[in-house]
C-alpha atoms as a PDB file:
ATOM      1  CA  MET A   1      31.966 -47.143 -34.294  1.00  0.00           C
ATOM      2  CA  ALA A   2      34.735 -49.986 -33.506  1.00  0.00           C
ATOM      3  CA  GLU A   3      33.281 -52.714 -31.261  1.00  0.00           C
ATOM      4  CA  PRO A   4      34.421 -52.305 -27.381  1.00  0.00           C
ATOM      5  CA  ARG A   5      37.921 -54.516 -26.632  1.00  0.00           C
ATOM      6  CA  TYR A   6      37.475 -57.635 -25.092  1.00  0.00           C
ATOM      7  CA  ARG A   7      38.236 -57.709 -21.301  1.00  0.00           C
ATOM      8  CA  ALA A   8      40.543 -60.637 -20.610  1.00  0.00           C
ATOM      9  CA  ALA A   9      39.158 -62.784 -17.141  1.00  0.00           C
ATOM     10  CA  SER A  10      41.748 -62.067 -14.287  1.00  0.00           C
ATOM     11  CA  LYS A  11      43.014 -64.844 -12.614  1.00  0.00           C
ATOM     12  CA  SER A  12      43.550 -63.006  -9.650  1.00  0.00           C
ATOM     13  CA  SER A  13      40.239 -61.272  -9.696  1.00  0.00           C
ATOM     14  CA  PRO A  14      37.889 -63.246  -6.004  1.00  0.00           C
ATOM     15  CA  VAL A  15      34.963 -62.718  -9.145  1.00  0.00           C
ATOM     16  CA  PRO A  16      34.689 -65.985 -10.902  1.00  0.00           C
ATOM     17  CA  MET A  17      36.379 -66.845 -14.281  1.00  0.00           C
ATOM     18  CA  HIS A  18      32.754 -67.474 -15.881  1.00  0.00           C
ATOM     19  CA  PHE A  19      30.859 -64.663 -14.254  1.00  0.00           C
ATOM     20  CA  GLN A  20      33.362 -62.232 -15.255  1.00  0.00           C
ATOM     21  CA  VAL A  21      32.959 -63.110 -19.259  1.00  0.00           C
ATOM     22  CA  GLU A  22      29.196 -63.617 -18.412  1.00  0.00           C
ATOM     23  CA  ARG A  23      28.957 -60.012 -17.066  1.00  0.00           C
ATOM     24  CA  ASP A  24      31.085 -58.446 -20.509  1.00  0.00           C
ATOM     25  CA  MET A  25      28.750 -60.524 -22.895  1.00  0.00           C
ATOM     26  CA  ARG A  26      25.703 -59.466 -21.054  1.00  0.00           C
ATOM     27  CA  GLU A  27      26.930 -55.862 -21.792  1.00  0.00           C
ATOM     28  CA  ARG A  28      27.301 -56.386 -25.309  1.00  0.00           C
ATOM     29  CA  ILE A  29      23.819 -57.967 -25.770  1.00  0.00           C
ATOM     30  CA  LEU A  30      22.336 -55.005 -23.516  1.00  0.00           C
ATOM     31  CA  ASN A  31      24.031 -52.226 -24.703  1.00  0.00           C
ATOM     32  CA  GLY A  32      23.449 -52.707 -28.287  1.00  0.00           C
ATOM     33  CA  THR A  33      26.875 -54.074 -29.379  1.00  0.00           C
ATOM     34  CA  TRP A  34      25.711 -57.523 -30.064  1.00  0.00           C
ATOM     35  CA  LYS A  35      22.227 -56.996 -31.752  1.00  0.00           C
ATOM     36  CA  PRO A  36      19.325 -58.974 -31.715  1.00  0.00           C
ATOM     37  CA  GLY A  37      19.403 -61.742 -34.525  1.00  0.00           C
ATOM     38  CA  GLN A  38      23.959 -61.678 -34.758  1.00  0.00           C
ATOM     39  CA  GLN A  39      25.744 -64.669 -34.223  1.00  0.00           C
ATOM     40  CA  LEU A  40      28.374 -64.608 -31.574  1.00  0.00           C
ATOM     41  CA  PRO A  41      31.519 -65.708 -31.788  1.00  0.00           C
ATOM     42  CA  GLY A  42      32.679 -69.279 -31.685  1.00  0.00           C
ATOM     43  CA  GLU A  43      33.648 -71.415 -28.363  1.00  0.00           C
ATOM     44  CA  MET A  44      37.456 -70.615 -29.144  1.00  0.00           C
ATOM     45  CA  GLU A  45      37.287 -67.444 -30.703  1.00  0.00           C
ATOM     46  CA  LEU A  46      35.995 -66.574 -26.815  1.00  0.00           C
ATOM     47  CA  CYS A  47      38.243 -68.689 -25.149  1.00  0.00           C
ATOM     48  CA  ASN A  48      40.627 -66.755 -27.025  1.00  0.00           C
ATOM     49  CA  LEU A  49      39.296 -63.488 -26.456  1.00  0.00           C
ATOM     50  CA  TYR A  50      38.787 -63.906 -22.872  1.00  0.00           C
ATOM     51  CA  GLY A  51      42.073 -65.829 -22.045  1.00  0.00           C
ATOM     52  CA  VAL A  52      39.745 -68.633 -20.848  1.00  0.00           C
ATOM     53  CA  SER A  53      39.238 -72.231 -21.013  1.00  0.00           C
ATOM     54  CA  ARG A  54      35.885 -73.845 -23.056  1.00  0.00           C
ATOM     55  CA  THR A  55      34.144 -75.056 -19.863  1.00  0.00           C
ATOM     56  CA  THR A  56      34.839 -71.474 -18.630  1.00  0.00           C
ATOM     57  CA  VAL A  57      33.033 -69.957 -22.045  1.00  0.00           C
ATOM     58  CA  ARG A  58      30.333 -73.032 -22.072  1.00  0.00           C
ATOM     59  CA  GLN A  59      29.281 -71.871 -18.145  1.00  0.00           C
ATOM     60  CA  ALA A  60      28.991 -68.229 -19.396  1.00  0.00           C
ATOM     61  CA  LEU A  61      26.929 -68.903 -22.398  1.00  0.00           C
ATOM     62  CA  ALA A  62      24.758 -71.481 -20.304  1.00  0.00           C
ATOM     63  CA  VAL A  63      23.795 -68.394 -17.833  1.00  0.00           C
ATOM     64  CA  LEU A  64      23.065 -66.312 -20.618  1.00  0.00           C
ATOM     65  CA  VAL A  65      20.709 -69.067 -22.316  1.00  0.00           C
ATOM     66  CA  ASP A  66      19.035 -69.307 -18.903  1.00  0.00           C
ATOM     67  CA  GLU A  67      18.339 -65.658 -18.708  1.00  0.00           C
ATOM     68  CA  GLY A  68      16.912 -65.515 -22.225  1.00  0.00           C
ATOM     69  CA  LEU A  69      19.766 -63.064 -23.658  1.00  0.00           C
ATOM     70  CA  ILE A  70      20.987 -65.857 -26.516  1.00  0.00           C
ATOM     71  CA  VAL A  71      20.020 -69.205 -28.432  1.00  0.00           C
ATOM     72  CA  ARG A  72      22.477 -72.116 -29.315  1.00  0.00           C
ATOM     73  CA  GLU A  73      21.626 -73.501 -32.369  1.00  0.00           C
ATOM     74  CA  ARG A  74      23.019 -76.736 -33.179  1.00  0.00           C
ATOM     75  CA  GLY A  75      25.828 -76.920 -35.816  1.00  0.00           C
ATOM     76  CA  ARG A  76      25.014 -73.373 -36.500  1.00  0.00           C
ATOM     77  CA  GLY A  77      26.710 -71.792 -32.666  1.00  0.00           C
ATOM     78  CA  SER A  78      25.140 -69.064 -30.224  1.00  0.00           C
ATOM     79  CA  PHE A  79      23.159 -66.024 -31.507  1.00  0.00           C
ATOM     80  CA  VAL A  80      21.815 -62.873 -30.022  1.00  0.00           C
ATOM     81  CA  ARG A  81      17.821 -63.887 -28.934  1.00  0.00           C
ATOM     82  CA  ASP A  82      15.312 -60.950 -30.446  1.00  0.00           C
ATOM     83  CA  LEU A  83      13.898 -59.032 -27.443  1.00  0.00           C
ATOM     84  CA  THR A  84      12.003 -61.595 -24.873  1.00  0.00           C
ATOM     85  CA  ILE A  85      11.504 -60.907 -21.635  1.00  0.00           C
ATOM     86  CA  THR A  86      11.587 -64.301 -19.320  1.00  0.00           C
ATOM     87  CA  ALA A  87       9.343 -63.839 -16.087  1.00  0.00           C
ATOM     88  CA  GLY A  88      10.855 -66.368 -13.600  1.00  0.00           C
ATOM     89  CA  ALA A  89      10.162 -66.553  -9.439  1.00  0.00           C
ATOM     90  CA  ARG A  90      10.448 -63.129  -8.657  1.00  0.00           C
ATOM     91  CA  GLY A  91       9.244 -60.667  -6.081  1.00  0.00           C
ATOM     92  CA  LEU A  92       5.932 -58.636  -6.398  1.00  0.00           C
ATOM     93  CA  THR A  93       7.219 -55.938  -8.974  1.00  0.00           C
ATOM     94  CA  SER A  94       5.678 -53.288 -10.947  1.00  0.00           C
ATOM     95  CA  PHE A  95       6.437 -53.831 -14.700  1.00  0.00           C
ATOM     96  CA  SER A  96       8.936 -50.935 -14.588  1.00  0.00           C
ATOM     97  CA  ASP A  97      10.783 -52.330 -11.896  1.00  0.00           C
ATOM     98  CA  GLU A  98      10.709 -55.573 -13.667  1.00  0.00           C
ATOM     99  CA  MET A  99      11.815 -53.879 -16.608  1.00  0.00           C
ATOM    100  CA  ALA A 100      14.895 -52.470 -15.012  1.00  0.00           C
ATOM    101  CA  ALA A 101      16.049 -55.324 -13.276  1.00  0.00           C
ATOM    102  CA  ARG A 102      16.937 -56.587 -17.014  1.00  0.00           C
ATOM    103  CA  GLY A 103      18.588 -53.721 -18.097  1.00  0.00           C
ATOM    104  CA  MET A 104      16.089 -52.467 -20.212  1.00  0.00           C
ATOM    105  CA  HIS A 105      13.677 -49.156 -20.321  1.00  0.00           C
ATOM    106  CA  ALA A 106      10.381 -49.552 -19.452  1.00  0.00           C
ATOM    107  CA  GLY A 107       7.806 -47.536 -21.228  1.00  0.00           C
ATOM    108  CA  ALA A 108       4.378 -46.758 -21.270  1.00  0.00           C
ATOM    109  CA  ARG A 109       1.034 -45.418 -23.722  1.00  0.00           C
ATOM    110  CA  ILE A 110      -2.352 -44.146 -22.591  1.00  0.00           C
ATOM    111  CA  LEU A 111      -5.142 -45.979 -25.005  1.00  0.00           C
ATOM    112  CA  SER A 112      -7.986 -44.486 -22.297  1.00  0.00           C
ATOM    113  CA  ILE A 113      -8.767 -43.866 -18.487  1.00  0.00           C
ATOM    114  CA  GLY A 114     -11.704 -43.462 -16.800  1.00  0.00           C
ATOM    115  CA  LEU A 115     -14.932 -44.271 -14.484  1.00  0.00           C
ATOM    116  CA  GLU A 116     -16.472 -47.733 -15.545  1.00  0.00           C
ATOM    117  CA  PRO A 117     -19.088 -49.136 -13.469  1.00  0.00           C
ATOM    118  CA  SER A 118     -17.820 -52.554 -11.692  1.00  0.00           C
ATOM    119  CA  THR A 119     -19.855 -55.774 -13.166  1.00  0.00           C
ATOM    120  CA  PRO A 120     -20.970 -58.396 -10.576  1.00  0.00           C
ATOM    121  CA  GLU A 121     -17.130 -60.798 -11.481  1.00  0.00           C
ATOM    122  CA  MET A 122     -15.502 -57.546 -10.774  1.00  0.00           C
ATOM    123  CA  ALA A 123     -17.276 -56.290  -7.753  1.00  0.00           C
ATOM    124  CA  GLN A 124     -17.025 -59.640  -6.637  1.00  0.00           C
ATOM    125  CA  ARG A 125     -12.984 -59.482  -7.265  1.00  0.00           C
ATOM    126  CA  LEU A 126     -12.431 -56.443  -5.441  1.00  0.00           C
ATOM    127  CA  ARG A 127     -14.802 -57.022  -2.729  1.00  0.00           C
ATOM    128  CA  LEU A 128     -17.350 -54.243  -3.768  1.00  0.00           C
ATOM    129  CA  ALA A 129     -20.688 -53.665  -4.443  1.00  0.00           C
ATOM    130  CA  ALA A 130     -22.060 -54.269  -7.692  1.00  0.00           C
ATOM    131  CA  GLY A 131     -21.865 -51.196  -9.741  1.00  0.00           C
ATOM    132  CA  GLU A 132     -19.663 -49.386  -7.538  1.00  0.00           C
ATOM    133  CA  ALA A 133     -17.288 -46.573  -9.702  1.00  0.00           C
ATOM    134  CA  LEU A 134     -14.074 -48.289 -10.786  1.00  0.00           C
ATOM    135  CA  VAL A 135     -10.964 -46.718 -12.493  1.00  0.00           C
ATOM    136  CA  VAL A 136     -10.083 -48.540 -15.529  1.00  0.00           C
ATOM    137  CA  VAL A 137      -6.575 -47.692 -16.766  1.00  0.00           C
ATOM    138  CA  ARG A 138      -5.666 -49.290 -20.824  1.00  0.00           C
ATOM    139  CA  ARG A 139      -2.125 -48.803 -21.727  1.00  0.00           C
ATOM    140  CA  VAL A 140       0.436 -50.268 -24.135  1.00  0.00           C
ATOM    141  CA  ARG A 141       3.261 -51.471 -22.266  1.00  0.00           C
ATOM    142  CA  TYR A 142       7.109 -51.295 -24.031  1.00  0.00           C
ATOM    143  CA  ALA A 143      10.012 -52.778 -23.295  1.00  0.00           C
ATOM    144  CA  ASN A 144      13.355 -50.557 -25.115  1.00  0.00           C
ATOM    145  CA  ASP A 145      10.305 -49.240 -27.405  1.00  0.00           C
ATOM    146  CA  THR A 146       9.529 -52.477 -28.431  1.00  0.00           C
ATOM    147  CA  PRO A 147       5.300 -52.992 -27.801  1.00  0.00           C
ATOM    148  CA  ILE A 148       5.482 -56.333 -25.231  1.00  0.00           C
ATOM    149  CA  GLY A 149       1.607 -56.104 -23.868  1.00  0.00           C
ATOM    150  CA  ILE A 150      -1.273 -54.923 -23.313  1.00  0.00           C
ATOM    151  CA  GLN A 151      -2.526 -54.070 -19.558  1.00  0.00           C
ATOM    152  CA  THR A 152      -5.863 -53.252 -18.159  1.00  0.00           C
ATOM    153  CA  ALA A 153      -6.303 -52.502 -14.981  1.00  0.00           C
ATOM    154  CA  TYR A 154      -9.071 -52.210 -12.597  1.00  0.00           C
ATOM    155  CA  LEU A 155      -9.152 -50.216  -9.169  1.00  0.00           C
ATOM    156  CA  PRO A 156     -11.627 -48.915  -6.954  1.00  0.00           C
ATOM    157  CA  ALA A 157     -12.737 -45.127  -7.655  1.00  0.00           C
ATOM    158  CA  ALA A 158     -13.589 -44.483  -3.721  1.00  0.00           C
ATOM    159  CA  ARG A 159     -10.325 -45.751  -2.498  1.00  0.00           C
ATOM    160  CA  PHE A 160      -8.376 -43.587  -5.408  1.00  0.00           C
ATOM    161  CA  PRO A 161      -9.819 -40.463  -5.855  1.00  0.00           C
ATOM    162  CA  GLU A 162      -8.924 -38.490  -9.205  1.00  0.00           C
ATOM    163  CA  LEU A 163      -7.218 -41.615  -9.813  1.00  0.00           C
ATOM    164  CA  GLU A 164      -8.561 -40.996 -13.681  1.00  0.00           C
ATOM    165  CA  ARG A 165      -7.051 -37.801 -14.384  1.00  0.00           C
ATOM    166  CA  ALA A 166      -3.597 -38.800 -13.713  1.00  0.00           C
ATOM    167  CA  ASP A 167      -0.902 -38.958 -16.505  1.00  0.00           C
ATOM    168  CA  LEU A 168       0.354 -42.117 -16.374  1.00  0.00           C
ATOM    169  CA  ASN A 169       2.139 -42.120 -19.989  1.00  0.00           C
ATOM    170  CA  ASP A 170       5.792 -43.884 -18.804  1.00  0.00           C
ATOM    171  CA  ARG A 171       5.507 -44.243 -15.609  1.00  0.00           C
ATOM    172  CA  SER A 172       5.151 -46.744 -12.742  1.00  0.00           C
ATOM    173  CA  LEU A 173       1.187 -47.290 -11.758  1.00  0.00           C
ATOM    174  CA  TYR A 174       2.261 -48.905  -8.499  1.00  0.00           C
ATOM    175  CA  GLN A 175       4.793 -45.951  -7.538  1.00  0.00           C
ATOM    176  CA  TYR A 176       2.184 -42.917  -8.500  1.00  0.00           C
ATOM    177  CA  LEU A 177      -0.157 -45.219  -5.923  1.00  0.00           C
ATOM    178  CA  GLU A 178       2.600 -45.314  -3.548  1.00  0.00           C
ATOM    179  CA  GLU A 179       3.226 -41.185  -3.774  1.00  0.00           C
ATOM    180  CA  ARG A 180      -0.085 -40.354  -3.853  1.00  0.00           C
ATOM    181  CA  TYR A 181      -2.741 -42.802  -1.832  1.00  0.00           C
ATOM    182  CA  GLY A 182       0.047 -44.542   0.618  1.00  0.00           C
ATOM    183  CA  VAL A 183      -0.736 -48.155  -0.781  1.00  0.00           C
ATOM    184  CA  VAL A 184       1.895 -50.956  -1.359  1.00  0.00           C
ATOM    185  CA  PRO A 185       1.130 -53.954  -3.575  1.00  0.00           C
ATOM    186  CA  ALA A 186       2.257 -56.812  -0.598  1.00  0.00           C
ATOM    187  CA  GLU A 187       1.405 -59.975  -2.535  1.00  0.00           C
ATOM    188  CA  ALA A 188      -0.809 -61.209  -5.668  1.00  0.00           C
ATOM    189  CA  VAL A 189      -2.184 -63.872  -7.362  1.00  0.00           C
ATOM    190  CA  GLU A 190      -1.588 -64.442 -11.268  1.00  0.00           C
ATOM    191  CA  ILE A 191      -3.448 -66.689 -13.732  1.00  0.00           C
ATOM    192  CA  PHE A 192      -1.189 -67.495 -17.284  1.00  0.00           C
ATOM    193  CA  SER A 193      -3.315 -69.222 -20.197  1.00  0.00           C
ATOM    194  CA  MET A 194      -2.562 -68.911 -23.762  1.00  0.00           C
ATOM    195  CA  THR A 195      -4.832 -66.888 -25.743  1.00  0.00           C
ATOM    196  CA  SER A 196      -4.872 -65.698 -29.609  1.00  0.00           C
ATOM    197  CA  ILE A 197      -4.100 -61.961 -30.600  1.00  0.00           C
ATOM    198  CA  SER A 198      -6.090 -60.585 -33.393  1.00  0.00           C
ATOM    199  CA  GLY A 199      -7.869 -57.094 -34.172  1.00  0.00           C
ATOM    200  CA  GLN A 200      -6.664 -53.912 -32.483  1.00  0.00           C
ATOM    201  CA  GLN A 201      -4.245 -55.546 -30.109  1.00  0.00           C
ATOM    202  CA  ALA A 202      -2.280 -57.421 -32.670  1.00  0.00           C
ATOM    203  CA  GLN A 203      -2.217 -53.922 -34.699  1.00  0.00           C
ATOM    204  CA  LEU A 204      -1.143 -52.513 -31.181  1.00  0.00           C
ATOM    205  CA  LEU A 205       1.756 -54.743 -30.688  1.00  0.00           C
ATOM    206  CA  GLN A 206       2.022 -54.983 -33.973  1.00  0.00           C
ATOM    207  CA  VAL A 207       2.204 -58.471 -34.470  1.00  0.00           C
ATOM    208  CA  GLY A 208       0.263 -60.803 -36.935  1.00  0.00           C
ATOM    209  CA  GLU A 209      -3.369 -61.700 -37.364  1.00  0.00           C
ATOM    210  CA  GLY A 210      -3.716 -64.883 -34.321  1.00  0.00           C
ATOM    211  CA  THR A 211      -0.761 -64.557 -33.147  1.00  0.00           C
ATOM    212  CA  CYS A 212       0.114 -66.874 -29.912  1.00  0.00           C
ATOM    213  CA  GLY A 213       0.355 -65.312 -26.596  1.00  0.00           C
ATOM    214  CA  PHE A 214      -0.460 -65.067 -23.199  1.00  0.00           C
ATOM    215  CA  HIS A 215      -3.716 -64.063 -20.896  1.00  0.00           C
ATOM    216  CA  VAL A 216      -2.639 -62.994 -17.455  1.00  0.00           C
ATOM    217  CA  GLU A 217      -4.880 -62.164 -14.698  1.00  0.00           C
ATOM    218  CA  ARG A 218      -3.518 -60.530 -11.520  1.00  0.00           C
ATOM    219  CA  LEU A 219      -5.196 -59.638  -8.028  1.00  0.00           C
ATOM    220  CA  THR A 220      -3.073 -57.588  -6.029  1.00  0.00           C
ATOM    221  CA  PHE A 221      -3.263 -57.313  -2.360  1.00  0.00           C
ATOM    222  CA  ASP A 222      -2.277 -54.622   0.157  1.00  0.00           C
ATOM    223  CA  GLU A 223      -0.652 -55.375   3.493  1.00  0.00           C
ATOM    224  CA  ALA A 224      -3.997 -55.373   4.849  1.00  0.00           C
ATOM    225  CA  LYS A 225      -4.905 -57.948   2.343  1.00  0.00           C
ATOM    226  CA  GLN A 226      -7.504 -56.023   0.623  1.00  0.00           C
ATOM    227  CA  PRO A 227      -7.663 -56.648  -3.115  1.00  0.00           C
ATOM    228  CA  PHE A 228      -6.884 -53.230  -4.616  1.00  0.00           C
ATOM    229  CA  GLU A 229      -6.270 -53.717  -7.901  1.00  0.00           C
ATOM    230  CA  PHE A 230      -7.651 -56.274 -10.828  1.00  0.00           C
ATOM    231  CA  VAL A 231      -4.819 -56.154 -14.274  1.00  0.00           C
ATOM    232  CA  VAL A 232      -5.764 -58.116 -17.417  1.00  0.00           C
ATOM    233  CA  SER A 233      -2.483 -58.178 -19.543  1.00  0.00           C
ATOM    234  CA  ILE A 234      -2.069 -59.464 -23.300  1.00  0.00           C
ATOM    235  CA  LEU A 235       1.361 -60.436 -23.842  1.00  0.00           C
ATOM    236  CA  ARG A 236       3.441 -61.242 -26.803  1.00  0.00           C
ATOM    237  CA  GLY A 237       3.730 -64.406 -26.938  1.00  0.00           C
ATOM    238  CA  ASP A 238       7.518 -64.132 -28.541  1.00  0.00           C
ATOM    239  CA  ARG A 239       8.362 -61.374 -26.311  1.00  0.00           C
ATOM    240  CA  TYR A 240       7.515 -62.824 -23.159  1.00  0.00           C
ATOM    241  CA  ARG A 241       8.062 -66.236 -21.351  1.00  0.00           C
ATOM    242  CA  VAL A 242       7.381 -68.004 -18.265  1.00  0.00           C
ATOM    243  CA  GLN A 243      10.465 -69.704 -16.567  1.00  0.00           C
ATOM    244  CA  LEU A 244       9.435 -71.631 -13.445  1.00  0.00           C
ATOM    245  CA  PHE A 245      11.782 -73.261 -10.904  1.00  0.00           C
ATOM    246  CA  LEU A 246      11.023 -76.911  -9.636  1.00  0.00           C
ATOM    247  CA  ARG A 247      11.780 -78.590  -6.422  1.00  0.00           C
ATOM    248  CA  ALA A 248      10.942 -82.209  -5.719  1.00  0.00           C
ATOM    249  CA  SER A 249       9.451 -83.017  -2.491  1.00  0.00           C
ATOM    250  CA  ARG A 250      10.336 -85.193  -0.357  1.00  0.00           C
ATOM    251  CA  ARG A 251       8.968 -89.357  -0.494  1.00  0.00           C
ATOM    252  CA  GLN A 252       7.332 -90.100   2.125  1.00  0.00           C
ATOM    253  CA  ARG A 253       8.365 -93.284   3.872  1.00  0.00           C
END
C-alpha cells in the first residue's frame, strides 16, 4: 500500500505551520505508516515535502521528541521510537484513558480476581480492620497489544460487593466502579521506584530476566477523601517513562 501523500502546510491557515507539520507526522506514526525503528526523511526532505522552513521542521520534530514518539540521533537522523508511554503532568485517569489520550488502544487480561484477607499494612492504607476482606484484581495491561505492565489492585470487598465476579478483561476498572457503585476517583498519591523484573513477571511482560522497570504504588481517594483502592504496578522500563515539569521558585529577598 502506497504511503499517504504529504499535506503541504498552509500559510493561510490560522493553525501555526509547525503544528500542521507536527500533526501530520504524528498521524503517520500513530496509524503505522511510519513503523517503530523507521528512519524519518531528513530535515531538508521534510522541508520540501511540507513546503516549510528548516526552523519549522525542527520545531515539529522537537515536539514529537518531547512526546516520546521519535528519537533523534546525532549524525544519523530521526527515528520512530519503539512504543513508549510517557507519563508527565496529568490528571487522575485510568490506564485506559491515559492510553486513549495518546492515540493507543488499551487492553487488559485478567490473571486472577478474588477475595483475600487484608494484611495489617494494607488495612492501614485503606483504613480497614486487619483481616477485613479485599477484592484483589491482578491484570496484565497492554497498549496496542504490547504488554506494558502488571497491575494488582486491592479494594475493600464490603464497599464493592460482588466485584470479584466482574469481567474486567479489556475494561477500565474506574469506569466499572463508577457505573456499578457510583465511586469516582478524586485524587491519588503515586510513588515510583526502580525494580528488576524477573520470573513470571518477565515472562508476562515479554522481557529478559533482570530487565529494569518501574515499581509504582498508587493510593486512590474518593471525593470524601476516603481511600478505596491501592494498586501496585510493575511497568516495563523500555516502554514507560516519566516526564516531570519543574519550575524555579522565587528567591527570598
